[in-house]
Structure formats: structure tokens, C-alpha cells
Protein backbone atom coordinates (compact mmCIF):
# COMPACT_ATOMS: atom_id res chain seq x y z
CA MET A 1 100.74 62.19 65.86
CA ASP A 2 102.98 60.06 63.69
CA PRO A 3 106.77 60.56 63.81
CA SER A 4 107.00 62.19 60.37
CA ALA A 5 104.30 64.75 61.25
CA LEU A 6 106.02 65.44 64.58
CA ALA A 7 109.35 65.98 62.79
CA ARG A 8 107.63 68.33 60.31
CA PHE A 9 106.03 70.22 63.24
CA GLU A 10 109.37 70.60 64.99
CA GLU A 11 111.01 71.76 61.77
CA THR A 12 108.38 74.33 60.83
CA VAL A 13 106.86 75.58 64.09
CA LEU A 14 109.52 75.35 66.81
CA PRO A 15 111.79 77.98 65.20
CA HIS A 16 109.08 80.55 66.00
CA LEU A 17 109.09 79.87 69.75
CA ASP A 18 110.82 83.18 70.57
CA ALA A 19 108.32 85.18 68.51
CA ALA A 20 105.45 83.35 70.20
CA TYR A 21 106.82 84.15 73.65
CA THR A 22 107.48 87.79 72.71
CA LEU A 23 103.89 88.24 71.54
CA ALA A 24 102.45 86.55 74.64
CA ARG A 25 104.69 88.62 76.93
CA TYR A 26 103.59 91.81 75.16
CA LEU A 27 99.89 90.95 75.46
CA LEU A 28 99.97 89.62 79.04
CA ARG A 29 102.69 91.80 80.58
CA ASN A 30 103.88 88.89 82.73
CA ASP A 31 106.71 86.42 82.09
CA GLN A 32 105.23 83.36 83.78
CA ASP A 33 101.76 83.89 82.32
CA ALA A 34 103.35 84.27 78.88
CA GLU A 35 105.23 80.99 79.32
CA ASP A 36 102.02 79.21 80.31
CA VAL A 37 100.09 80.65 77.38
CA VAL A 38 102.83 79.77 74.88
CA GLN A 39 102.83 76.21 76.20
CA ASP A 40 99.04 76.02 75.76
CA ALA A 41 99.31 77.55 72.29
CA TYR A 42 101.92 75.01 71.23
CA LEU A 43 99.70 72.19 72.49
CA ARG A 44 96.85 73.60 70.40
CA ALA A 45 99.19 73.89 67.42
CA VAL A 46 100.28 70.26 67.79
CA ARG A 47 96.65 69.10 68.03
CA HIS A 48 95.64 71.05 64.93
CA PHE A 49 98.81 70.62 62.91
CA GLY A 50 97.08 68.03 60.75
CA GLY A 51 94.81 70.81 59.44
CA TYR A 52 97.71 73.12 58.63
CA ARG A 53 98.06 73.31 54.84
CA GLY A 54 101.28 75.27 54.53
CA GLY A 55 101.85 78.94 54.04
CA ASN A 56 103.24 81.35 56.60
CA THR A 57 103.90 79.17 59.63
CA ARG A 58 104.85 82.12 61.80
CA ALA A 59 101.56 83.91 61.12
CA TRP A 60 99.61 80.70 61.75
CA LEU A 61 101.35 80.10 65.08
CA LEU A 62 101.11 83.72 66.24
CA THR A 63 97.38 83.70 65.50
CA ILE A 64 97.04 80.69 67.80
CA VAL A 65 99.14 82.45 70.46
CA ARG A 66 97.08 85.63 70.18
CA HIS A 67 93.78 83.76 70.53
CA THR A 68 95.17 81.77 73.46
CA CYS A 69 96.22 85.02 75.15
CA TYR A 70 92.76 86.52 74.67
CA SER A 71 91.13 83.41 76.10
CA TRP A 72 93.50 83.50 79.07
CA LEU A 73 92.79 87.19 79.69
CA ARG A 74 89.01 86.70 79.54
CA ARG A 75 89.17 83.79 81.95
CA HIS A 76 91.53 85.43 84.46
CA ARG A 77 90.00 88.90 84.36
CA ALA A 78 86.60 87.39 85.10
CA ASP A 79 88.15 85.48 88.02
CA ALA A 80 89.81 88.66 89.33
CA ARG A 81 86.54 90.62 89.08
CA ALA A 82 84.66 87.89 90.94
CA ILE A 83 87.26 87.80 93.73
CA GLU A 84 87.25 91.59 93.97
CA SER A 85 83.44 91.64 94.21
CA VAL A 86 83.41 89.09 97.02
CA GLU A 87 86.14 90.95 98.92
CA THR A 88 84.28 94.23 98.51
CA LEU A 89 81.07 92.69 99.85
CA ASN A 90 82.92 91.19 102.80
CA GLY A 91 84.82 94.43 103.52
CA GLU A 92 88.17 92.78 102.90
CA VAL A 93 91.30 94.34 101.41
CA GLN A 94 90.91 95.31 97.77
CA MET A 95 92.93 93.65 95.03
CA GLY A 96 96.13 95.58 94.47
CA ASP A 97 96.60 96.63 98.11
CA ASP A 98 99.82 95.29 99.50
CA PRO A 99 101.46 95.35 102.93
CA GLU A 100 104.06 97.92 101.89
CA ALA A 101 101.42 100.35 100.63
CA GLU A 102 99.42 99.88 103.82
CA LEU A 103 102.52 100.51 105.94
CA LEU A 104 103.35 103.68 104.01
CA ARG A 105 99.75 104.85 104.23
CA GLY A 106 99.75 104.29 108.01
CA THR A 107 103.11 106.01 108.42
CA LEU A 108 101.88 108.99 106.44
CA ASP A 109 98.69 109.15 108.52
CA GLU A 110 100.72 109.20 111.73
CA ALA A 111 103.07 111.88 110.43
CA LEU A 112 100.12 114.08 109.44
CA LYS A 113 98.45 113.57 112.82
CA GLN A 114 101.64 114.65 114.61
CA ALA A 115 102.24 117.62 112.30
CA MET A 116 98.67 118.93 112.54
CA PRO A 117 97.16 117.57 115.77
CA GLY A 118 94.03 119.70 115.74
CA TRP A 119 93.33 119.32 112.07
CA TRP A 120 93.17 115.57 111.67
CA PRO A 121 89.56 114.34 111.22
CA VAL A 122 88.34 111.64 113.58
CA THR A 123 86.64 109.64 110.85
CA ARG A 124 87.97 108.72 107.46
CA GLY A 125 85.57 110.73 105.41
CA PRO A 126 85.51 114.14 103.83
CA PHE A 127 87.87 116.60 105.50
CA ARG A 128 85.87 118.48 108.14
CA GLY A 129 88.40 120.99 109.45
CA PRO A 130 89.47 121.46 113.09
CA THR A 131 87.90 119.20 115.68
């Protein structure tokens, strides 16, 4: 990109950086992912700035950000589903389980066993009543 085009890009597109981040943050619900997507969107905008013919720069940029967010979501949701499927097949911990939740679940199980010793089922299945 020649220096005059770069200066024009900086003058017209960079002022909309906050709006781009706000949109990405809204769509992705994560600060770091939004920063990554905005960076990718700005790289796309720089690459395609030669095709920009004027008009509403903010709308042009936010369209690029929105499409970049959707691409990111498709790619990462597919990755998450694939990981979850493999973990399910291998009997591993499900996505979303965390050590704190497991600790609380175990603590609750123990408290229930102590409070109702004869009523706690031996297996983790449907409640079967007294054993």
C-alpha cells in the first residue's frame, strides 16, 4: 500500500476503531476474542481498501467486522463441538465443567449422604428410594 493510501486509510477508518471493538465485543461476548477479530478485520480492511469507493466508512468497516465475527464464530464453534464429541466418546469431562463446580457437586453429594444415610442411591441413576 502506498503512503498516500495508508494515510487516507488511517484518516478515514481508524477513527471507527472503538465502534468496531464494541460490535465485536457484543457479538463474541469476550474481550480478547473481540480484540483478535477487530485486528483481523482491520487487516482485511487494509487489504481491500483499494476497492473502497467512498461513502459511509463506518458502515463499510462494521460490515467487515461483522463478517469477521461470524467467520470466527463458525470456526470456533465447530472446533468446540468436535472437542466435545471426542471427550464424550472418551468419557472425559464435558466442556463447561470446572474444578469449582465439581468440588461443589462433591460437597453437596457428601452433605446429602450424611443428612439422609439410608436414602442415598448407590448408583448415579434415577432415584430408587431407600436401599
